[in-house]
Structures are given as C-alpha cells and as structure tokens.
C-alpha cells in the first residue's frame, strides 16, 4: 500500500484531570493500531498539548 493510501488514526485524550485513565486506554489502542501496516497513528494528549487560552 502506498504511503498516500495509509489511513491516519488520531487518538485524542480529552481528560486533563488528576488521576485520569484515558492515556492508558489511548496508548493501548495506539499500540494495537500500529501493528497494522495500513494505519498511521498519532496520540494527542490535551493535558500536554499547547492550546491558546
């Protein structure tokens, strides 16, 4: 499969609370998706991403 035909999967972790669990689930899902050669995977964590005020 050509690079331009790869699907992009973006996993967004929306919780920024202390003691959150979303990052664990997101990393598990990302690790499973990365096993597929037809997926490109990005994980975006809103707790660490720079967002304007």
C-alpha atoms as a PDB file:
ATOM      1  CA  UNK A   1       0.000   0.000   0.000  1.00  0.00           C
ATOM      2  CA  UNK A   2       1.385   3.403  -0.961  1.00  0.00           C
ATOM      3  CA  UNK A   3       2.074   5.986   1.750  1.00  0.00           C
ATOM      4  CA  UNK A   4      -0.667   8.271   0.476  1.00  0.00           C
ATOM      5  CA  UNK A   5      -3.191   5.437   0.800  1.00  0.00           C
ATOM      6  CA  UNK A   6      -2.495   4.883   4.512  1.00  0.00           C
ATOM      7  CA  UNK A   7      -5.271   5.823   6.891  1.00  0.00           C
ATOM      8  CA  UNK A   8      -4.427   8.337   9.626  1.00  0.00           C
ATOM      9  CA  UNK A   9      -5.811   7.486  13.032  1.00  0.00           C
ATOM     10  CA  UNK A  10      -5.661  10.316  15.563  1.00  0.00           C
ATOM     11  CA  UNK A  11      -6.451   9.376  19.141  1.00  0.00           C
ATOM     12  CA  UNK A  12      -7.318  12.388  21.295  1.00  0.00           C
ATOM     13  CA  UNK A  13      -7.078  12.142  25.070  1.00  0.00           C
ATOM     14  CA  UNK A  14      -9.568  14.723  26.286  1.00  0.00           C
ATOM     15  CA  UNK A  15      -9.314  14.375  30.045  1.00  0.00           C
ATOM     16  CA  UNK A  16      -6.907  16.654  31.910  1.00  0.00           C
ATOM     17  CA  UNK A  17      -7.961  15.646  35.416  1.00  0.00           C
ATOM     18  CA  UNK A  18      -5.562  14.317  38.021  1.00  0.00           C
ATOM     19  CA  UNK A  19      -5.736  10.509  38.248  1.00  0.00           C
ATOM     20  CA  UNK A  20      -7.127  10.128  34.737  1.00  0.00           C
ATOM     21  CA  UNK A  21      -7.142   6.782  32.926  1.00  0.00           C
ATOM     22  CA  UNK A  22      -7.588   7.889  29.310  1.00  0.00           C
ATOM     23  CA  UNK A  23      -3.875   7.882  28.493  1.00  0.00           C
ATOM     24  CA  UNK A  24      -3.627   4.189  29.392  1.00  0.00           C
ATOM     25  CA  UNK A  25      -6.504   3.254  27.091  1.00  0.00           C
ATOM     26  CA  UNK A  26      -5.223   5.534  24.320  1.00  0.00           C
ATOM     27  CA  UNK A  27      -1.724   4.057  24.381  1.00  0.00           C
ATOM     28  CA  UNK A  28      -3.151   0.530  24.346  1.00  0.00           C
ATOM     29  CA  UNK A  29      -5.319   1.349  21.336  1.00  0.00           C
ATOM     30  CA  UNK A  30      -2.396   3.067  19.581  1.00  0.00           C
ATOM     31  CA  UNK A  31      -0.113   0.080  20.148  1.00  0.00           C
ATOM     32  CA  UNK A  32      -2.713  -2.247  18.636  1.00  0.00           C
ATOM     33  CA  UNK A  33      -3.352   0.053  15.659  1.00  0.00           C
ATOM     34  CA  UNK A  34       0.405   0.388  14.973  1.00  0.00           C
ATOM     35  CA  UNK A  35       0.526  -3.356  14.300  1.00  0.00           C
ATOM     36  CA  UNK A  36      -1.399  -2.698  11.094  1.00  0.00           C
ATOM     37  CA  UNK A  37       0.698  -1.518   8.161  1.00  0.00           C
ATOM     38  CA  UNK A  38      -2.234   0.428   6.676  1.00  0.00           C
ATOM     39  CA  UNK A  39      -2.567   2.829   9.652  1.00  0.00           C
ATOM     40  CA  UNK A  40      -0.554   5.855  10.644  1.00  0.00           C
ATOM     41  CA  UNK A  41      -1.231   6.610  14.324  1.00  0.00           C
ATOM     42  CA  UNK A  42      -0.949   9.827  16.342  1.00  0.00           C
ATOM     43  CA  UNK A  43      -1.874  10.283  20.002  1.00  0.00           C
ATOM     44  CA  UNK A  44      -2.773  13.819  21.089  1.00  0.00           C
ATOM     45  CA  UNK A  45      -2.964  14.454  24.829  1.00  0.00           C
ATOM     46  CA  UNK A  46      -4.800  17.686  25.625  1.00  0.00           C
ATOM     47  CA  UNK A  47      -3.101  17.780  29.040  1.00  0.00           C
ATOM     48  CA  UNK A  48       0.275  18.320  27.344  1.00  0.00           C
ATOM     49  CA  UNK A  49      -0.710  19.924  24.029  1.00  0.00           C
ATOM     50  CA  UNK A  50      -0.275  23.658  23.703  1.00  0.00           C
ATOM     51  CA  UNK A  51      -3.651  25.269  23.192  1.00  0.00           C
ATOM     52  CA  UNK A  52      -4.326  29.004  23.143  1.00  0.00           C
ATOM     53  CA  UNK A  53      -6.120  30.475  26.156  1.00  0.00           C
END
